[in-house]
Protein backbone atom coordinates (compact mmCIF):
# COMPACT_ATOMS: atom_id res chain seq x y z
CA LEU A 1 2.70 -15.34 91.03
CA VAL A 2 1.47 -12.35 89.06
CA ASN A 3 -1.16 -9.78 90.03
CA LEU A 4 -3.02 -8.69 86.89
CA VAL A 5 -5.58 -5.97 86.30
CA PRO A 6 -7.75 -6.09 83.18
CA ASN A 7 -7.34 -3.12 80.85
CA GLU A 8 -10.34 -1.21 79.59
CA GLY A 9 -12.38 -3.39 77.25
CA ASN A 10 -11.09 -6.66 78.75
CA ASN A 11 -14.07 -8.54 80.20
CA ASP A 12 -12.26 -11.87 80.78
CA LEU A 13 -12.63 -11.55 84.56
CA LYS A 14 -16.37 -10.91 84.35
CA GLY A 15 -16.29 -7.72 86.40
CA ALA A 16 -13.56 -8.69 88.85
CA LYS A 17 -11.05 -5.92 89.51
CA ARG A 18 -7.94 -8.12 89.49
CA ALA A 19 -6.58 -11.64 89.45
CA TYR A 20 -3.59 -13.62 90.61
CA VAL A 21 -2.19 -16.18 88.22
CA ASN A 22 0.89 -18.36 87.84
CA ILE A 23 2.53 -17.47 84.56
CA LEU A 24 5.16 -19.82 83.19
CA ALA A 25 7.74 -18.68 80.67
CA PHE A 26 10.94 -20.03 79.18
CA ALA A 27 13.20 -17.31 80.60
CA LYS A 28 16.95 -16.94 81.04
CA SER A 29 16.81 -14.69 84.11
CA ASP A 30 14.52 -12.92 86.54
CA ALA A 31 14.58 -9.78 84.37
CA ASN A 32 13.86 -11.79 81.21
CA TYR A 33 10.93 -13.50 82.94
CA ARG A 34 9.47 -10.15 84.00
CA THR A 35 9.76 -8.84 80.44
CA LEU A 36 8.09 -11.93 78.96
CA VAL A 37 5.26 -11.77 81.52
CA LYS A 38 4.62 -8.09 80.84
CA PHE A 39 4.61 -8.67 77.08
CA ALA A 40 2.25 -11.68 77.29
CA SER A 41 -0.04 -9.83 79.70
CA HIS A 42 -0.19 -6.86 77.35
CA GLU A 43 -1.05 -9.19 74.45
CA HIS A 44 -4.04 -10.44 76.49
CA ASN A 45 -5.08 -6.89 77.48
CA TYR A 46 -3.91 -6.96 81.11
CA SER A 47 -1.64 -4.70 83.11
CA VAL A 48 0.84 -6.25 85.53
CA LYS A 49 0.57 -4.76 89.02
CA LYS A 50 3.03 -7.02 90.78
CA ILE A 51 5.23 -10.03 90.11
CA GLN A 52 6.31 -11.97 93.17
CA ASP A 53 8.20 -15.15 94.01
CA VAL A 54 10.00 -15.56 90.68
CA GLU A 55 11.85 -18.86 90.61
CA LEU A 56 13.00 -21.54 88.21
CA PHE A 57 10.38 -24.25 87.78
CA ASP A 58 12.95 -26.95 88.57
CA MET A 59 13.66 -25.28 91.92
CA ARG A 60 9.93 -24.96 92.60
CA THR A 61 9.37 -28.68 92.06
CA LYS A 62 12.36 -29.56 94.27
CA ASN A 63 11.21 -27.39 97.17
CA TYR A 64 7.42 -27.70 96.99
CA GLU A 65 4.67 -30.02 95.93
CA VAL A 66 3.49 -28.71 92.55
CA ASP A 67 0.03 -29.26 91.14
CA GLU A 68 -0.13 -31.61 88.15
CA TYR A 69 -1.76 -28.85 86.13
CA LEU A 70 1.35 -26.65 86.50
CA ILE A 71 3.61 -29.55 85.58
CA SER A 72 1.56 -30.08 82.43
CA LEU A 73 1.71 -26.35 81.69
CA SER A 74 5.50 -26.35 82.15
CA LYS A 75 5.79 -29.11 79.55
CA LYS A 76 3.73 -27.01 77.17
CA VAL A 77 6.04 -24.03 77.75
CA ALA A 78 9.11 -26.21 77.13
CA LYS A 79 7.60 -27.59 73.93
CA THR A 80 6.33 -24.31 72.47
CA GLY A 81 8.76 -21.80 73.97
CA ARG A 82 5.75 -19.55 74.59
CA THR A 83 4.57 -17.93 77.81
CA HIS A 84 1.47 -19.60 79.30
CA PHE A 85 -1.02 -18.52 81.95
CA GLY A 86 -2.22 -20.87 84.67
CA GLU A 87 -5.55 -20.73 86.47
CA PHE A 88 -6.82 -17.24 87.31
CA TYR A 89 -7.81 -16.52 90.93
CA VAL A 90 -10.08 -13.49 90.67
CA TYR A 91 -10.92 -10.82 93.23
CA LYS A 92 -13.94 -8.56 93.00
CA GLU A 93 -12.48 -5.90 95.28
CA ASP A 94 -9.39 -3.72 94.86
CA ASP A 95 -7.68 -4.80 98.10
């Protein structure tokens, strides 16, 4: 789960101050995942404020019920090798 803040000029969140989003990436390690997320976020004009609960998708599906949308997104990541953003949960306030 990644906490993103839109950079100046990014109006994707329609005035919201931040968003939480699941970001899936084909990464070799925790550090590699964090690097890929920061790079992809920068490409989309966001700053990463916090990355939490990093885990392999296989482990996630073994330990928790995973939404079909995320399963579909994971297949897209596996096919393309690119980092993909899930659904954005936006927050109007800073807290």
